[in-house]
PDB file of N, CA and C in Angstrom:
ATOM      1  N   MET A   1      36.926  45.534  19.103  1.00  0.00           N
ATOM      2  CA  MET A   1      36.113  46.353  18.226  1.00  0.00           C
ATOM      3  C   MET A   1      36.825  46.602  16.895  1.00  0.00           C
ATOM      4  N   VAL A   2      38.114  46.910  16.949  1.00  0.00           N
ATOM      5  CA  VAL A   2      38.860  47.191  15.712  1.00  0.00           C
ATOM      6  C   VAL A   2      38.952  45.926  14.860  1.00  0.00           C
ATOM      7  N   HIS A   3      39.146  44.777  15.492  1.00  0.00           N
ATOM      8  CA  HIS A   3      39.176  43.520  14.739  1.00  0.00           C
ATOM      9  C   HIS A   3      37.813  43.269  14.075  1.00  0.00           C
ATOM     10  N   HIS A   4      36.738  43.564  14.779  1.00  0.00           N
ATOM     11  CA  HIS A   4      35.386  43.405  14.227  1.00  0.00           C
ATOM     12  C   HIS A   4      35.207  44.302  13.004  1.00  0.00           C
ATOM     13  N   LEU A   5      35.669  45.541  13.097  1.00  0.00           N
ATOM     14  CA  LEU A   5      35.539  46.445  11.957  1.00  0.00           C
ATOM     15  C   LEU A   5      36.332  45.941  10.757  1.00  0.00           C
ATOM     16  N   ALA A   6      37.513  45.392  10.999  1.00  0.00           N
ATOM     17  CA  ALA A   6      38.299  44.838   9.888  1.00  0.00           C
ATOM     18  C   ALA A   6      37.544  43.687   9.231  1.00  0.00           C
ATOM     19  N   ASP A   7      36.991  42.776  10.042  1.00  0.00           N
ATOM     20  CA  ASP A   7      36.210  41.665   9.492  1.00  0.00           C
ATOM     21  C   ASP A   7      35.018  42.192   8.685  1.00  0.00           C
ATOM     22  N   SER A   8      34.318  43.147   9.259  1.00  0.00           N
ATOM     23  CA  SER A   8      33.135  43.703   8.617  1.00  0.00           C
ATOM     24  C   SER A   8      33.476  44.377   7.290  1.00  0.00           C
ATOM     25  N   HIS A   9      34.533  45.156   7.277  1.00  0.00           N
ATOM     26  CA  HIS A   9      34.850  45.921   6.074  1.00  0.00           C
ATOM     27  C   HIS A   9      35.474  45.046   4.990  1.00  0.00           C
ATOM     28  N   MET A  10      36.172  43.980   5.381  1.00  0.00           N
ATOM     29  CA  MET A  10      36.628  43.024   4.364  1.00  0.00           C
ATOM     30  C   MET A  10      35.419  42.385   3.690  1.00  0.00           C
ATOM     31  N   ASN A  11      34.422  42.014   4.476  1.00  0.00           N
ATOM     32  CA  ASN A  11      33.203  41.450   3.901  1.00  0.00           C
ATOM     33  C   ASN A  11      32.464  42.479   3.054  1.00  0.00           C
ATOM     34  N   SER A  12      32.467  43.718   3.488  1.00  0.00           N
ATOM     35  CA  SER A  12      31.705  44.746   2.775  1.00  0.00           C
ATOM     36  C   SER A  12      32.231  44.985   1.367  1.00  0.00           C
ATOM     37  N   ILE A  13      33.544  45.088   1.225  1.00  0.00           N
ATOM     38  CA  ILE A  13      34.058  45.355  -0.114  1.00  0.00           C
ATOM     39  C   ILE A  13      33.775  44.172  -1.037  1.00  0.00           C
ATOM     40  N   ILE A  14      33.802  42.963  -0.498  1.00  0.00           N
ATOM     41  CA  ILE A  14      33.453  41.784  -1.298  1.00  0.00           C
ATOM     42  C   ILE A  14      31.985  41.857  -1.708  1.00  0.00           C
ATOM     43  N   ARG A  15      31.122  42.271  -0.808  1.00  0.00           N
ATOM     44  CA  ARG A  15      29.703  42.399  -1.136  1.00  0.00           C
ATOM     45  C   ARG A  15      29.476  43.420  -2.239  1.00  0.00           C
ATOM     46  N   PHE A  16      30.178  44.545  -2.168  1.00  0.00           N
ATOM     47  CA  PHE A  16      30.048  45.554  -3.214  1.00  0.00           C
ATOM     48  C   PHE A  16      30.552  45.026  -4.558  1.00  0.00           C
ATOM     49  N   LYS A  17      31.670  44.332  -4.541  1.00  0.00           N
ATOM     50  CA  LYS A  17      32.208  43.812  -5.799  1.00  0.00           C
ATOM     51  C   LYS A  17      31.305  42.725  -6.382  1.00  0.00           C
ATOM     52  N   LEU A  18      30.715  41.895  -5.517  1.00  0.00           N
ATOM     53  CA  LEU A  18      29.735  40.923  -6.012  1.00  0.00           C
ATOM     54  C   LEU A  18      28.548  41.641  -6.647  1.00  0.00           C
ATOM     55  N   GLY A  19      28.067  42.687  -5.992  1.00  0.00           N
ATOM     56  CA  GLY A  19      26.942  43.448  -6.516  1.00  0.00           C
ATOM     57  C   GLY A  19      27.244  44.112  -7.844  1.00  0.00           C
ATOM     58  N   LEU A  20      28.488  44.468  -8.056  1.00  0.00           N
ATOM     59  CA  LEU A  20      28.877  45.095  -9.325  1.00  0.00           C
ATOM     60  C   LEU A  20      29.069  44.090 -10.455  1.00  0.00           C
ATOM     61  N   THR A  21      29.389  42.864 -10.101  1.00  0.00           N
ATOM     62  CA  THR A  21      29.786  41.902 -11.133  1.00  0.00           C
ATOM     63  C   THR A  21      28.782  40.779 -11.367  1.00  0.00           C
ATOM     64  N   GLU A  22      27.775  40.656 -10.496  1.00  0.00           N
ATOM     65  CA  GLU A  22      26.773  39.614 -10.639  1.00  0.00           C
ATOM     66  C   GLU A  22      25.381  40.241 -10.539  1.00  0.00           C
ATOM     67  N   ASN A  23      24.393  39.541 -11.072  1.00  0.00           N
ATOM     68  CA  ASN A  23      23.019  40.034 -11.002  1.00  0.00           C
ATOM     69  C   ASN A  23      22.361  39.583  -9.712  1.00  0.00           C
ATOM     70  N   ASN A  24      22.152  40.526  -8.801  1.00  0.00           N
ATOM     71  CA  ASN A  24      21.492  40.310  -7.513  1.00  0.00           C
ATOM     72  C   ASN A  24      22.044  39.080  -6.781  1.00  0.00           C
ATOM     73  N   PRO A  25      23.357  39.058  -6.533  1.00  0.00           N
ATOM     74  CA  PRO A  25      23.934  37.891  -5.856  1.00  0.00           C
ATOM     75  C   PRO A  25      23.460  37.780  -4.412  1.00  0.00           C
ATOM     76  N   VAL A  26      23.393  36.551  -3.932  1.00  0.00           N
ATOM     77  CA  VAL A  26      23.100  36.306  -2.526  1.00  0.00           C
ATOM     78  C   VAL A  26      24.422  36.436  -1.770  1.00  0.00           C
ATOM     79  N   ILE A  27      24.470  37.348  -0.808  1.00  0.00           N
ATOM     80  CA  ILE A  27      25.703  37.536  -0.047  1.00  0.00           C
ATOM     81  C   ILE A  27      25.798  36.491   1.050  1.00  0.00           C
ATOM     82  N   LYS A  28      26.995  36.291   1.528  1.00  0.00           N
ATOM     83  CA  LYS A  28      27.249  35.308   2.578  1.00  0.00           C
ATOM     84  C   LYS A  28      27.279  36.020   3.922  1.00  0.00           C
ATOM     85  N   PRO A  29      26.287  35.775   4.773  1.00  0.00           N
ATOM     86  CA  PRO A  29      26.370  36.311   6.136  1.00  0.00           C
ATOM     87  C   PRO A  29      27.458  35.576   6.924  1.00  0.00           C
ATOM     88  N   TYR A  30      27.856  36.144   8.025  1.00  0.00           N
ATOM     89  CA  TYR A  30      28.827  35.475   8.891  1.00  0.00           C
ATOM     90  C   TYR A  30      28.447  35.746  10.341  1.00  0.00           C
ATOM     91  N   ILE A  31      28.837  34.839  11.200  1.00  0.00           N
ATOM     92  CA  ILE A  31      28.479  34.948  12.616  1.00  0.00           C
ATOM     93  C   ILE A  31      29.607  35.712  13.321  1.00  0.00           C
ATOM     94  N   GLU A  32      29.384  36.999  13.496  1.00  0.00           N
ATOM     95  CA  GLU A  32      30.427  37.911  13.974  1.00  0.00           C
ATOM     96  C   GLU A  32      31.047  37.478  15.292  1.00  0.00           C
ATOM     97  N   ASN A  33      30.237  37.064  16.240  1.00  0.00           N
ATOM     98  CA  ASN A  33      30.790  36.701  17.557  1.00  0.00           C
ATOM     99  C   ASN A  33      31.662  35.453  17.470  1.00  0.00           C
ATOM    100  N   LEU A  34      31.392  34.549  16.524  1.00  0.00           N
ATOM    101  CA  LEU A  34      32.255  33.381  16.361  1.00  0.00           C
ATOM    102  C   LEU A  34      33.573  33.757  15.684  1.00  0.00           C
ATOM    103  N   TRP A  35      33.514  34.714  14.780  1.00  0.00           N
ATOM    104  CA  TRP A  35      34.752  35.192  14.152  1.00  0.00           C
ATOM    105  C   TRP A  35      35.674  35.787  15.215  1.00  0.00           C
ATOM    106  N   ALA A  36      35.082  36.425  16.217  1.00  0.00           N
ATOM    107  CA  ALA A  36      35.866  37.082  17.269  1.00  0.00           C
ATOM    108  C   ALA A  36      36.541  36.096  18.213  1.00  0.00           C
ATOM    109  N   GLU A  37      36.183  34.828  18.131  1.00  0.00           N
ATOM    110  CA  GLU A  37      36.749  33.811  19.017  1.00  0.00           C
ATOM    111  C   GLU A  37      38.062  33.216  18.499  1.00  0.00           C
ATOM    112  N   HIS A  38      38.471  33.569  17.293  1.00  0.00           N
ATOM    113  CA  HIS A  38      39.660  32.956  16.693  1.00  0.00           C
ATOM    114  C   HIS A  38      40.948  33.673  17.090  1.00  0.00           C
ATOM    115  N   SER A  39      42.050  32.984  16.929  1.00  0.00           N
ATOM    116  CA  SER A  39      43.350  33.473  17.404  1.00  0.00           C
ATOM    117  C   SER A  39      43.788  34.771  16.738  1.00  0.00           C
ATOM    118  N   ASP A  40      43.362  35.012  15.493  1.00  0.00           N
ATOM    119  CA  ASP A  40      43.769  36.258  14.834  1.00  0.00           C
ATOM    120  C   ASP A  40      43.156  37.475  15.521  1.00  0.00           C
ATOM    121  N   VAL A  41      42.081  37.279  16.250  1.00  0.00           N
ATOM    122  CA  VAL A  41      41.467  38.362  17.023  1.00  0.00           C
ATOM    123  C   VAL A  41      42.015  38.363  18.451  1.00  0.00           C
ATOM    124  N   LYS A  42      42.081  37.190  19.039  1.00  0.00           N
ATOM    125  CA  LYS A  42      42.473  37.095  20.450  1.00  0.00           C
ATOM    126  C   LYS A  42      43.963  37.340  20.696  1.00  0.00           C
ATOM    127  N   ASN A  43      44.812  37.034  19.716  1.00  0.00           N
ATOM    128  CA  ASN A  43      46.253  37.069  19.963  1.00  0.00           C
ATOM    129  C   ASN A  43      47.016  38.160  19.224  1.00  0.00           C
ATOM    130  N   LEU A  44      46.329  38.987  18.491  1.00  0.00           N
ATOM    131  CA  LEU A  44      47.017  40.051  17.753  1.00  0.00           C
ATOM    132  C   LEU A  44      46.581  41.418  18.257  1.00  0.00           C
ATOM    133  N   PRO A  45      47.490  42.374  18.209  1.00  0.00           N
ATOM    134  CA  PRO A  45      47.115  43.731  18.633  1.00  0.00           C
ATOM    135  C   PRO A  45      46.175  44.385  17.617  1.00  0.00           C
ATOM    136  N   ALA A  46      45.436  45.354  18.079  1.00  0.00           N
ATOM    137  CA  ALA A  46      44.504  46.080  17.212  1.00  0.00           C
ATOM    138  C   ALA A  46      45.217  46.719  16.026  1.00  0.00           C
ATOM    139  N   SER A  47      46.501  47.023  16.175  1.00  0.00           N
ATOM    140  CA  SER A  47      47.247  47.672  15.090  1.00  0.00           C
ATOM    141  C   SER A  47      47.254  46.838  13.809  1.00  0.00           C
ATOM    142  N   VAL A  48      47.184  45.524  13.939  1.00  0.00           N
ATOM    143  CA  VAL A  48      47.135  44.655  12.757  1.00  0.00           C
ATOM    144  C   VAL A  48      45.838  44.909  11.982  1.00  0.00           C
ATOM    145  N   SER A  49      44.731  45.013  12.696  1.00  0.00           N
ATOM    146  CA  SER A  49      43.453  45.277  12.041  1.00  0.00           C
ATOM    147  C   SER A  49      43.357  46.706  11.523  1.00  0.00           C
ATOM    148  N   VAL A  50      44.054  47.634  12.164  1.00  0.00           N
ATOM    149  CA  VAL A  50      44.100  49.012  11.646  1.00  0.00           C
ATOM    150  C   VAL A  50      44.755  49.012  10.269  1.00  0.00           C
ATOM    151  N   LYS A  51      45.808  48.227  10.093  1.00  0.00           N
ATOM    152  CA  LYS A  51      46.464  48.121   8.779  1.00  0.00           C
ATOM    153  C   LYS A  51      45.504  47.562   7.738  1.00  0.00           C
ATOM    154  N   ILE A  52      44.726  46.539   8.122  1.00  0.00           N
ATOM    155  CA  ILE A  52      43.733  45.988   7.203  1.00  0.00           C
ATOM    156  C   ILE A  52      42.729  47.067   6.823  1.00  0.00           C
ATOM    157  N   LEU A  53      42.230  47.797   7.814  1.00  0.00           N
ATOM    158  CA  LEU A  53      41.253  48.851   7.551  1.00  0.00           C
ATOM    159  C   LEU A  53      41.812  49.919   6.615  1.00  0.00           C
ATOM    160  N   GLU A  54      43.063  50.291   6.813  1.00  0.00           N
ATOM    161  CA  GLU A  54      43.664  51.307   5.943  1.00  0.00           C
ATOM    162  C   GLU A  54      43.682  50.833   4.489  1.00  0.00           C
ATOM    163  N   GLY A  55      44.089  49.598   4.269  1.00  0.00           N
ATOM    164  CA  GLY A  55      44.137  49.075   2.903  1.00  0.00           C
ATOM    165  C   GLY A  55      42.757  48.890   2.296  1.00  0.00           C
ATOM    166  N   VAL A  56      41.843  48.308   3.064  1.00  0.00           N
ATOM    167  CA  VAL A  56      40.485  48.098   2.561  1.00  0.00           C
ATOM    168  C   VAL A  56      39.816  49.431   2.266  1.00  0.00           C
ATOM    169  N   HIS A  57      39.990  50.398   3.158  1.00  0.00           N
ATOM    170  CA  HIS A  57      39.362  51.701   2.942  1.00  0.00           C
ATOM    171  C   HIS A  57      39.938  52.406   1.718  1.00  0.00           C
ATOM    172  N   GLU A  58      41.220  52.276   1.471  1.00  0.00           N
ATOM    173  CA  GLU A  58      41.803  52.893   0.278  1.00  0.00           C
ATOM    174  C   GLU A  58      41.196  52.284  -0.987  1.00  0.00           C
ATOM    175  N   ARG A  59      41.090  50.972  -1.018  1.00  0.00           N
ATOM    176  CA  ARG A  59      40.496  50.313  -2.189  1.00  0.00           C
ATOM    177  C   ARG A  59      39.008  50.627  -2.296  1.00  0.00           C
ATOM    178  N   TRP A  60      38.307  50.606  -1.166  1.00  0.00           N
ATOM    179  CA  TRP A  60      36.868  50.880  -1.157  1.00  0.00           C
ATOM    180  C   TRP A  60      36.586  52.296  -1.646  1.00  0.00           C
ATOM    181  N   PHE A  61      37.407  53.258  -1.219  1.00  0.00           N
ATOM    182  CA  PHE A  61      37.262  54.648  -1.634  1.00  0.00           C
ATOM    183  C   PHE A  61      37.372  54.772  -3.152  1.00  0.00           C
ATOM    184  N   VAL A  62      38.399  54.156  -3.717  1.00  0.00           N
ATOM    185  CA  VAL A  62      38.593  54.216  -5.170  1.00  0.00           C
ATOM    186  C   VAL A  62      37.428  53.535  -5.890  1.00  0.00           C
ATOM    187  N   LEU A  63      37.028  52.370  -5.383  1.00  0.00           N
ATOM    188  CA  LEU A  63      35.921  51.641  -6.005  1.00  0.00           C
ATOM    189  C   LEU A  63      34.638  52.466  -5.987  1.00  0.00           C
ATOM    190  N   LEU A  64      34.262  52.985  -4.828  1.00  0.00           N
ATOM    191  CA  LEU A  64      33.012  53.733  -4.708  1.00  0.00           C
ATOM    192  C   LEU A  64      33.025  55.004  -5.542  1.00  0.00           C
ATOM    193  N   ASN A  65      34.176  55.641  -5.646  1.00  0.00           N
ATOM    194  CA  ASN A  65      34.258  56.863  -6.448  1.00  0.00           C
ATOM    195  C   ASN A  65      34.169  56.596  -7.947  1.00  0.00           C
ATOM    196  N   SER A  66      34.298  55.335  -8.347  1.00  0.00           N
ATOM    197  CA  SER A  66      34.180  55.009  -9.768  1.00  0.00           C
ATOM    198  C   SER A  66      32.741  54.665 -10.160  1.00  0.00           C
ATOM    199  N   PHE A  67      31.842  54.583  -9.185  1.00  0.00           N
ATOM    200  CA  PHE A  67      30.463  54.169  -9.454  1.00  0.00           C
ATOM    201  C   PHE A  67      29.747  55.151 -10.373  1.00  0.00           C
ATOM    202  N   THR A  68      28.963  54.589 -11.271  1.00  0.00           N
ATOM    203  CA  THR A  68      28.040  55.387 -12.072  1.00  0.00           C
ATOM    204  C   THR A  68      26.701  55.423 -11.345  1.00  0.00           C
ATOM    205  N   GLU A  69      25.793  56.221 -11.840  1.00  0.00           N
ATOM    206  CA  GLU A  69      24.462  56.274 -11.236  1.00  0.00           C
ATOM    207  C   GLU A  69      23.800  54.894 -11.271  1.00  0.00           C
ATOM    208  N   ASN A  70      24.008  54.161 -12.343  1.00  0.00           N
ATOM    209  CA  ASN A  70      23.424  52.817 -12.451  1.00  0.00           C
ATOM    210  C   ASN A  70      24.074  51.821 -11.497  1.00  0.00           C
ATOM    211  N   ASP A  71      25.364  51.989 -11.223  1.00  0.00           N
ATOM    212  CA  ASP A  71      26.032  51.095 -10.280  1.00  0.00           C
ATOM    213  C   ASP A  71      25.374  51.160  -8.910  1.00  0.00           C
ATOM    214  N   TRP A  72      25.013  52.354  -8.465  1.00  0.00           N
ATOM    215  CA  TRP A  72      24.389  52.511  -7.147  1.00  0.00           C
ATOM    216  C   TRP A  72      23.047  51.805  -7.058  1.00  0.00           C
ATOM    217  N   LYS A  73      22.404  51.581  -8.218  1.00  0.00           N
ATOM    218  CA  LYS A  73      21.089  50.940  -8.254  1.00  0.00           C
ATOM    219  C   LYS A  73      21.187  49.415  -8.302  1.00  0.00           C
ATOM    220  N   ARG A  74      22.390  48.882  -8.529  1.00  0.00           N
ATOM    221  CA  ARG A  74      22.554  47.432  -8.566  1.00  0.00           C
ATOM    222  C   ARG A  74      22.219  46.854  -7.197  1.00  0.00           C
ATOM    223  N   THR A  75      21.871  45.579  -7.159  1.00  0.00           N
ATOM    224  CA  THR A  75      21.393  44.995  -5.913  1.00  0.00           C
ATOM    225  C   THR A  75      22.164  43.735  -5.516  1.00  0.00           C
ATOM    226  N   ILE A  76      22.090  43.481  -4.227  1.00  0.00           N
ATOM    227  CA  ILE A  76      22.521  42.210  -3.641  1.00  0.00           C
ATOM    228  C   ILE A  76      21.318  41.685  -2.859  1.00  0.00           C
ATOM    229  N   HIS A  77      21.326  40.393  -2.574  1.00  0.00           N
ATOM    230  CA  HIS A  77      20.262  39.823  -1.742  1.00  0.00           C
ATOM    231  C   HIS A  77      20.867  39.417  -0.411  1.00  0.00           C
ATOM    232  N   HIS A  78      20.285  39.929   0.669  1.00  0.00           N
ATOM    233  CA  HIS A  78      20.743  39.599   2.021  1.00  0.00           C
ATOM    234  C   HIS A  78      19.819  38.517   2.579  1.00  0.00           C
ATOM    235  N   PRO A  79      20.313  37.266   2.698  1.00  0.00           N
ATOM    236  CA  PRO A  79      19.425  36.177   3.110  1.00  0.00           C
ATOM    237  C   PRO A  79      18.925  36.277   4.555  1.00  0.00           C
ATOM    238  N   GLU A  80      19.696  36.858   5.462  1.00  0.00           N
ATOM    239  CA  GLU A  80      19.228  36.993   6.847  1.00  0.00           C
ATOM    240  C   GLU A  80      18.075  37.986   6.945  1.00  0.00           C
ATOM    241  N   LYS A  81      18.127  39.014   6.139  1.00  0.00           N
ATOM    242  CA  LYS A  81      17.060  40.019   6.144  1.00  0.00           C
ATOM    243  C   LYS A  81      15.977  39.672   5.117  1.00  0.00           C
ATOM    244  N   ASN A  82      16.272  38.675   4.284  1.00  0.00           N
ATOM    245  CA  ASN A  82      15.381  38.233   3.216  1.00  0.00           C
ATOM    246  C   ASN A  82      14.906  39.404   2.359  1.00  0.00           C
ATOM    247  N   LYS A  83      15.875  40.216   1.936  1.00  0.00           N
ATOM    248  CA  LYS A  83      15.515  41.357   1.085  1.00  0.00           C
ATOM    249  C   LYS A  83      16.653  41.706   0.149  1.00  0.00           C
ATOM    250  N   ASN A  84      16.266  42.284  -0.968  1.00  0.00           N
ATOM    251  CA  ASN A  84      17.235  42.838  -1.903  1.00  0.00           C
ATOM    252  C   ASN A  84      17.585  44.239  -1.440  1.00  0.00           C
ATOM    253  N   MET A  85      18.840  44.602  -1.619  1.00  0.00           N
ATOM    254  CA  MET A  85      19.314  45.926  -1.210  1.00  0.00           C
ATOM    255  C   MET A  85      20.116  46.526  -2.349  1.00  0.00           C
ATOM    256  N   THR A  86      19.882  47.802  -2.624  1.00  0.00           N
ATOM    257  CA  THR A  86      20.724  48.479  -3.605  1.00  0.00           C
ATOM    258  C   THR A  86      22.095  48.728  -2.982  1.00  0.00           C
ATOM    259  N   LEU A  87      23.076  48.926  -3.820  1.00  0.00           N
ATOM    260  CA  LEU A  87      24.406  49.242  -3.299  1.00  0.00           C
ATOM    261  C   LEU A  87      24.392  50.594  -2.597  1.00  0.00           C
ATOM    262  N   ASP A  88      23.526  51.489  -3.029  1.00  0.00           N
ATOM    263  CA  ASP A  88      23.352  52.768  -2.342  1.00  0.00           C
ATOM    264  C   ASP A  88      22.853  52.543  -0.913  1.00  0.00           C
ATOM    265  N   TYR A  89      21.869  51.687  -0.743  1.00  0.00           N
ATOM    266  CA  TYR A  89      21.338  51.356   0.586  1.00  0.00           C
ATOM    267  C   TYR A  89      22.415  50.678   1.424  1.00  0.00           C
ATOM    268  N   LEU A  90      23.155  49.759   0.801  1.00  0.00           N
ATOM    269  CA  LEU A  90      24.211  49.042   1.511  1.00  0.00           C
ATOM    270  C   LEU A  90      25.264  50.008   2.048  1.00  0.00           C
ATOM    271  N   LEU A  91      25.622  51.006   1.247  1.00  0.00           N
ATOM    272  CA  LEU A  91      26.580  52.001   1.719  1.00  0.00           C
ATOM    273  C   LEU A  91      26.034  52.744   2.934  1.00  0.00           C
ATOM    274  N   GLY A  92      24.762  53.058   2.922  1.00  0.00           N
ATOM    275  CA  GLY A  92      24.144  53.710   4.082  1.00  0.00           C
ATOM    276  C   GLY A  92      24.213  52.844   5.325  1.00  0.00           C
ATOM    277  N   MET A  93      24.029  51.529   5.158  1.00  0.00           N
ATOM    278  CA  MET A  93      24.144  50.621   6.302  1.00  0.00           C
ATOM    279  C   MET A  93      25.554  50.631   6.872  1.00  0.00           C
ATOM    280  N   TYR A  94      26.570  50.609   5.992  1.00  0.00           N
ATOM    281  CA  TYR A  94      27.947  50.614   6.481  1.00  0.00           C
ATOM    282  C   TYR A  94      28.319  51.965   7.082  1.00  0.00           C
ATOM    283  N   ASP A  95      27.762  53.025   6.554  1.00  0.00           N
ATOM    284  CA  ASP A  95      27.986  54.346   7.140  1.00  0.00           C
ATOM    285  C   ASP A  95      27.463  54.363   8.576  1.00  0.00           C
ATOM    286  N   TRP A  96      26.237  53.870   8.767  1.00  0.00           N
ATOM    287  CA  TRP A  96      25.664  53.802  10.113  1.00  0.00           C
ATOM    288  C   TRP A  96      26.541  52.920  11.011  1.00  0.00           C
ATOM    289  N   HIS A  97      26.969  51.775  10.488  1.00  0.00           N
ATOM    290  CA  HIS A  97      27.768  50.819  11.259  1.00  0.00           C
ATOM    291  C   HIS A  97      29.061  51.480  11.750  1.00  0.00           C
ATOM    292  N   CYS A  98      29.728  52.209  10.874  1.00  0.00           N
ATOM    293  CA  CYS A  98      30.983  52.873  11.254  1.00  0.00           C
ATOM    294  C   CYS A  98      30.746  53.908  12.343  1.00  0.00           C
ATOM    295  N   HIS A  99      29.724  54.732  12.179  1.00  0.00           N
ATOM    296  CA  HIS A  99      29.436  55.757  13.178  1.00  0.00           C
ATOM    297  C   HIS A  99      29.016  55.135  14.512  1.00  0.00           C
ATOM    298  N   HIS A 100      28.283  54.048  14.442  1.00  0.00           N
ATOM    299  CA  HIS A 100      27.844  53.334  15.644  1.00  0.00           C
ATOM    300  C   HIS A 100      29.053  52.874  16.465  1.00  0.00           C
ATOM    301  N   HIS A 101      30.011  52.240  15.796  1.00  0.00           N
ATOM    302  CA  HIS A 101      31.174  51.732  16.527  1.00  0.00           C
ATOM    303  C   HIS A 101      32.167  52.840  16.885  1.00  0.00           C
ATOM    304  N   LEU A 102      32.220  53.881  16.106  1.00  0.00           N
ATOM    305  CA  LEU A 102      33.047  55.029  16.473  1.00  0.00           C
ATOM    306  C   LEU A 102      32.548  55.622  17.790  1.00  0.00           C
ATOM    307  N   ALA A 103      31.243  55.685  17.952  1.00  0.00           N
ATOM    308  CA  ALA A 103      30.677  56.173  19.216  1.00  0.00           C
ATOM    309  C   ALA A 103      31.079  55.262  20.376  1.00  0.00           C
ATOM    310  N   HIS A 104      31.089  53.947  20.138  1.00  0.00           N
ATOM    311  CA  HIS A 104      31.544  53.015  21.184  1.00  0.00           C
ATOM    312  C   HIS A 104      32.998  53.285  21.565  1.00  0.00           C
ATOM    313  N   LEU A 105      33.842  53.451  20.550  1.00  0.00           N
ATOM    314  CA  LEU A 105      35.253  53.699  20.818  1.00  0.00           C
ATOM    315  C   LEU A 105      35.470  55.000  21.578  1.00  0.00           C
ATOM    316  N   LYS A 106      34.687  56.021  21.258  1.00  0.00           N
ATOM    317  CA  LYS A 106      34.797  57.288  21.967  1.00  0.00           C
ATOM    318  C   LYS A 106      34.392  57.135  23.431  1.00  0.00           C
ATOM    319  N   LEU A 107      33.363  56.308  23.680  1.00  0.00           N
ATOM    320  CA  LEU A 107      32.943  56.063  25.059  1.00  0.00           C
ATOM    321  C   LEU A 107      34.027  55.322  25.846  1.00  0.00           C
ATOM    322  N   ILE A 108      34.662  54.366  25.210  1.00  0.00           N
ATOM    323  CA  ILE A 108      35.721  53.602  25.862  1.00  0.00           C
ATOM    324  C   ILE A 108      36.903  54.508  26.187  1.00  0.00           C
ATOM    325  N   LYS A 109      37.212  55.402  25.257  1.00  0.00           N
ATOM    326  CA  LYS A 109      38.375  56.286  25.415  1.00  0.00           C
ATOM    327  C   LYS A 109      38.169  57.297  26.538  1.00  0.00           C
ATOM    328  N   SER A 110      36.926  57.735  26.742  1.00  0.00           N
ATOM    329  CA  SER A 110      36.691  58.791  27.753  1.00  0.00           C
ATOM    330  C   SER A 110      36.572  58.255  29.152  1.00  0.00           C
TER     331      SER A 110
END
């Protein structure tokens, strides 16, 4: 789960930066379950991905706090969903995603 979150959040910050620097860019989806089959997930402890999350979250925090009102209205195009999404909407999706997996981790821990 922690490796999945690292993969997801690395992709997320790239999506936000594309949305800030290009006009309605098409983002690159990825097949999450296939990413989980590689040695960096299977052979490394979760602590490695925690380090990635700490760094990505620090950069993401600074980036998001610099947004203007117009930045939040910028869009990306998600080809799997075949829709344009504002960066504000995208942040809401990642917020839900984090809480969703946090609930999973809490269930595993108890």
